[in-house]
Amino acid sequence: QVQLVESGGGLVQAGGSLRLSCAASGRSYTSYDMGWFRQAPGKEREFVAARNWSGGLTRYADSVKGRFTISRDNAKNMVYLQMNSLKPEDTAVYYCAAAYLVTVQNIHQVSAWGQGTQVTVSS
């Protein structure tokens, strides 16, 4: 019901910032919990951040709290991830994700994935 396309990844030095964007299309976008996952080389895909479908709650992985901020603009069908104070351990492919009327934090409830965008943080 929804298709996702990420953008904004790139190469940045430690301490720098990037803003990832996820453009959504399709029906019932506002009924989806929206979030971000990442997958580093040799590791499992892990939850990063989410904002629920009603827009009232946000959730973050402990590793990014205080540094990353998720936001969404339902009028524009967009979700963003502002990443500040980036660290080399943040290097990963970042994926936008959506879950229909359930929390996207649970990877097993994800109903749509973006194609991923590479974020590389150099020391």
Protein backbone atom coordinates (compact mmCIF):
# COMPACT_ATOMS: atom_id res chain seq x y z
CA GLN A 1 0.00 0.00 0.00
CA VAL A 2 2.99 2.29 0.39
CA GLN A 3 6.30 2.59 -1.45
CA LEU A 4 9.38 4.17 0.10
CA VAL A 5 12.47 5.79 -1.41
CA GLU A 6 15.38 7.01 0.74
CA SER A 7 17.89 9.70 -0.07
CA GLY A 8 20.49 11.82 1.67
CA GLY A 9 23.18 9.31 2.49
CA GLY A 10 26.82 9.96 1.83
CA LEU A 11 30.30 10.23 3.26
CA VAL A 12 30.86 12.47 6.25
CA GLN A 13 33.59 12.96 8.81
CA ALA A 14 33.07 12.04 12.44
CA GLY A 15 31.20 14.79 14.23
CA GLY A 16 29.39 15.85 11.11
CA SER A 17 25.73 15.73 10.20
CA LEU A 18 23.50 14.24 7.56
CA ARG A 19 19.79 14.40 6.95
CA LEU A 20 18.10 11.39 5.45
CA SER A 21 14.79 11.68 3.67
CA CYS A 22 12.19 9.08 2.87
CA ALA A 23 9.52 9.80 0.30
CA ALA A 24 6.37 7.73 0.56
CA SER A 25 3.75 7.08 -2.05
CA GLY A 26 0.62 5.02 -2.18
CA ARG A 27 -2.57 4.76 -0.22
CA SER A 28 -3.07 5.27 3.50
CA TYR A 29 0.37 6.70 4.18
CA THR A 30 -0.83 8.38 7.37
CA SER A 31 -2.00 5.03 8.75
CA TYR A 32 1.58 3.75 8.88
CA ASP A 33 4.08 3.99 11.68
CA MET A 34 7.27 5.26 10.02
CA GLY A 35 10.81 4.59 11.04
CA TRP A 36 14.42 3.91 10.22
CA PHE A 37 16.60 0.85 10.49
CA ARG A 38 20.24 0.37 9.66
CA GLN A 39 22.47 -2.50 8.76
CA ALA A 40 26.22 -2.35 9.21
CA PRO A 41 28.59 -4.72 7.42
CA GLY A 42 28.44 -8.16 8.97
CA LYS A 43 25.62 -7.24 11.33
CA GLU A 44 21.88 -7.72 11.51
CA ARG A 45 19.49 -4.98 10.59
CA GLU A 46 18.71 -2.95 13.70
CA PHE A 47 16.10 -0.44 14.75
CA VAL A 48 17.15 3.21 14.82
CA ALA A 49 14.12 5.46 15.23
CA ALA A 50 10.38 5.63 14.68
CA ARG A 51 7.48 8.03 14.77
CA ASN A 52 4.02 6.61 15.10
CA TRP A 53 1.22 7.01 12.61
CA SER A 54 -0.64 9.51 14.76
CA GLY A 55 2.51 11.61 15.02
CA GLY A 56 2.45 11.79 18.79
CA LEU A 57 5.25 9.47 19.87
CA THR A 58 8.86 8.92 18.94
CA ARG A 59 11.19 6.06 19.79
CA TYR A 60 14.95 5.78 19.48
CA ALA A 61 17.60 3.17 19.89
CA ASP A 62 19.81 3.91 22.87
CA SER A 63 22.82 4.24 20.61
CA VAL A 64 21.39 7.27 18.82
CA LYS A 65 19.44 9.06 21.54
CA GLY A 66 20.43 12.69 21.79
CA ARG A 67 22.07 12.64 18.37
CA PHE A 68 19.37 11.60 15.91
CA THR A 69 15.93 13.10 15.43
CA ILE A 70 13.10 11.56 13.46
CA SER A 71 10.33 13.69 12.06
CA ARG A 72 7.57 13.30 9.53
CA ASP A 73 5.54 15.63 7.41
CA ASN A 74 2.33 13.86 6.53
CA ALA A 75 1.23 16.65 4.22
CA LYS A 76 4.31 15.99 2.09
CA ASN A 77 4.37 12.22 2.61
CA MET A 78 7.91 12.49 3.96
CA VAL A 79 9.84 11.17 6.92
CA TYR A 80 13.28 12.43 7.91
CA LEU A 81 16.19 11.39 10.04
CA GLN A 82 18.45 14.20 11.17
CA MET A 83 21.76 12.71 12.25
CA ASN A 84 24.16 14.87 14.24
CA SER A 85 27.46 14.13 15.95
CA LEU A 86 27.99 11.17 13.68
CA LYS A 87 30.39 8.46 14.73
CA PRO A 88 32.22 5.84 12.68
CA GLU A 89 30.01 3.19 14.28
CA ASP A 90 27.01 4.86 12.63
CA THR A 91 28.30 3.63 9.29
CA ALA A 92 25.61 1.47 7.74
CA VAL A 93 22.99 1.22 5.07
CA TYR A 94 19.95 3.06 6.38
CA TYR A 95 16.47 1.87 5.46
CA CYS A 96 13.19 3.65 5.71
CA ALA A 97 10.40 1.40 6.95
CA ALA A 98 6.65 1.45 7.45
CA ALA A 99 4.26 -0.62 9.54
CA TYR A 100 0.52 -0.50 9.14
CA LEU A 101 -1.22 0.55 12.35
CA VAL A 102 1.43 -1.17 14.47
CA THR A 103 4.82 -0.12 15.75
CA VAL A 104 7.58 -0.20 13.17
CA GLN A 105 10.12 -0.75 15.93
CA ASN A 106 9.41 -4.46 15.64
CA ILE A 107 11.14 -5.51 12.45
CA HIS A 108 8.69 -8.37 12.01
CA GLN A 109 5.83 -5.91 11.69
CA VAL A 110 7.43 -3.92 8.88
CA SER A 111 5.24 -4.02 5.81
CA ALA A 112 7.30 -1.85 3.46
CA TRP A 113 11.00 -1.11 3.05
CA GLY A 114 12.93 1.45 1.11
CA GLN A 115 15.90 0.44 -0.99
CA GLY A 116 18.45 1.76 1.48
CA THR A 117 20.93 4.61 1.44
CA GLN A 118 24.57 4.31 2.44
CA VAL A 119 25.93 6.40 5.29
CA THR A 120 29.67 6.28 5.83
CA VAL A 121 31.33 8.11 8.70
CA SER A 122 35.09 8.44 8.57
CA SER A 123 37.32 9.04 11.55
